[in-house]
Amino acid sequence: MSDSLIITIFSMAIVFISLLIISYLIKGSKVITNKGTKMKKTSQKLVAKEANMENIKDDENEELIAIISAAVAASLGVSIPEMNIKSIKRISTNECIWSRVGREQQMFKRL
């Protein structure tokens, strides 16, 4: 009985160690093929793009207001002069940057 228990524990340890080695090989192959740095570059580009969107010029603001008002008018089924838009405020989301980056990457893959 004790011999079979020792063999079982030893076999489980060998399987666990081999799985750890395989996981390290996979991580090493990502580093070698530069896929890890590609993801970092993509996330850095998206963060930079988000920072640039916050610094929109006045001309772009007017264009953005025109687009938003046209979309609201189309969804309500009224003409733009009938509407009175008092303010447009950006709603901050309570999501982390990683979920946004992942969602944008999935959208870019489909294009």
Protein backbone atom coordinates (compact mmCIF):
# COMPACT_ATOMS: atom_id res chain seq x y z
CA MET A 1 0.00 0.00 0.00
CA SER A 2 2.73 2.48 0.88
CA ASP A 3 4.65 1.67 -2.32
CA SER A 4 1.63 2.48 -4.48
CA LEU A 5 1.11 5.78 -2.62
CA ILE A 6 4.74 6.76 -3.18
CA ILE A 7 4.49 5.89 -6.88
CA THR A 8 1.29 7.94 -7.20
CA ILE A 9 2.79 11.01 -5.55
CA PHE A 10 5.98 10.70 -7.58
CA SER A 11 4.00 10.36 -10.84
CA MET A 12 1.86 13.38 -10.01
CA ALA A 13 4.99 15.43 -9.25
CA ILE A 14 6.52 14.48 -12.62
CA VAL A 15 3.34 15.47 -14.47
CA PHE A 16 3.15 18.79 -12.60
CA ILE A 17 6.79 19.60 -13.32
CA SER A 18 6.40 18.73 -17.01
CA LEU A 19 3.34 21.02 -17.24
CA LEU A 20 5.35 23.86 -15.69
CA ILE A 21 8.14 23.32 -18.20
CA ILE A 22 5.64 23.38 -21.08
CA SER A 23 4.09 26.63 -19.81
CA TYR A 24 7.53 28.27 -19.59
CA LEU A 25 8.34 27.10 -23.12
CA ILE A 26 5.12 28.71 -24.39
CA LYS A 27 5.93 31.98 -22.63
CA GLY A 28 9.46 31.85 -24.04
CA SER A 29 8.18 31.33 -27.56
CA LYS A 30 5.98 34.44 -27.21
CA VAL A 31 9.01 36.48 -26.26
CA ILE A 32 11.06 35.04 -29.12
CA THR A 33 8.38 35.72 -31.74
CA ASN A 34 7.78 39.26 -30.35
CA LYS A 35 4.06 38.74 -29.88
CA GLY A 36 4.33 40.01 -26.32
CA THR A 37 5.85 43.30 -27.46
CA LYS A 38 3.27 43.63 -30.23
CA MET A 39 0.48 43.62 -27.66
CA LYS A 40 2.33 46.24 -25.60
CA LYS A 41 2.81 48.46 -28.65
CA THR A 42 -0.86 48.14 -29.55
CA SER A 43 -1.96 49.09 -26.05
CA GLN A 44 0.48 52.03 -26.03
CA LYS A 45 -0.92 53.24 -29.37
CA LEU A 46 -4.47 53.03 -28.05
CA VAL A 47 -3.56 54.94 -24.89
CA ALA A 48 -1.84 57.60 -27.00
CA LYS A 49 -4.85 57.78 -29.31
CA GLU A 50 -7.12 58.25 -26.30
CA ALA A 51 -4.91 61.06 -25.02
CA ASN A 52 -5.08 62.74 -28.43
CA MET A 53 -8.87 62.52 -28.48
CA GLU A 54 -9.05 64.48 -25.24
CA ASN A 55 -7.20 67.37 -26.89
CA ILE A 56 -9.73 67.99 -29.65
CA LYS A 57 -9.53 71.42 -31.29
CA ASP A 58 -12.49 73.80 -31.53
CA ASP A 59 -13.03 73.04 -35.23
CA GLU A 60 -13.24 69.35 -34.49
CA ASN A 61 -15.59 70.08 -31.58
CA GLU A 62 -18.00 71.87 -33.92
CA GLU A 63 -17.86 68.94 -36.32
CA LEU A 64 -18.45 66.51 -33.46
CA ILE A 65 -21.44 68.53 -32.25
CA ALA A 66 -22.88 68.54 -35.78
CA ILE A 67 -22.49 64.76 -36.05
CA ILE A 68 -24.06 64.11 -32.66
CA SER A 69 -26.97 66.45 -33.32
CA ALA A 70 -27.59 64.83 -36.72
CA ALA A 71 -27.58 61.38 -35.12
CA VAL A 72 -30.01 62.46 -32.38
CA ALA A 73 -32.28 64.14 -34.94
CA ALA A 74 -32.30 61.04 -37.11
CA SER A 75 -33.10 58.75 -34.19
CA LEU A 76 -35.91 61.03 -32.96
CA GLY A 77 -37.28 61.64 -36.45
CA VAL A 78 -37.21 65.45 -36.21
CA SER A 79 -35.27 68.10 -38.11
CA ILE A 80 -32.22 69.73 -36.56
CA PRO A 81 -33.73 73.27 -36.22
CA GLU A 82 -36.56 71.82 -34.10
CA MET A 83 -34.04 70.53 -31.56
CA ASN A 84 -32.38 72.55 -28.83
CA ILE A 85 -29.16 70.92 -27.62
CA LYS A 86 -27.95 72.69 -24.50
CA SER A 87 -24.81 70.72 -23.74
CA ILE A 88 -22.92 67.61 -24.74
CA LYS A 89 -20.90 65.93 -22.04
CA ARG A 90 -18.64 62.94 -22.31
CA ILE A 91 -19.71 60.13 -19.99
CA SER A 92 -16.79 58.51 -18.24
CA THR A 93 -16.91 54.75 -18.09
CA ASN A 94 -15.98 52.78 -15.03
CA GLU A 95 -14.15 50.13 -17.02
CA CYS A 96 -10.46 49.48 -16.90
CA ILE A 97 -8.22 50.31 -19.83
CA TRP A 98 -7.48 46.64 -20.50
CA SER A 99 -11.09 45.77 -21.22
CA ARG A 100 -11.34 48.70 -23.63
CA VAL A 101 -8.08 47.71 -25.35
CA GLY A 102 -9.26 44.11 -25.69
CA ARG A 103 -12.58 45.19 -27.17
CA GLU A 104 -10.87 47.50 -29.67
CA GLN A 105 -8.42 44.78 -30.69
CA GLN A 106 -11.30 42.41 -31.37
CA MET A 107 -13.01 45.06 -33.49
CA PHE A 108 -9.80 45.76 -35.46
CA LYS A 109 -9.33 42.04 -36.15
CA ARG A 110 -12.76 41.89 -37.77
CA LEU A 111 -12.04 44.78 -40.14
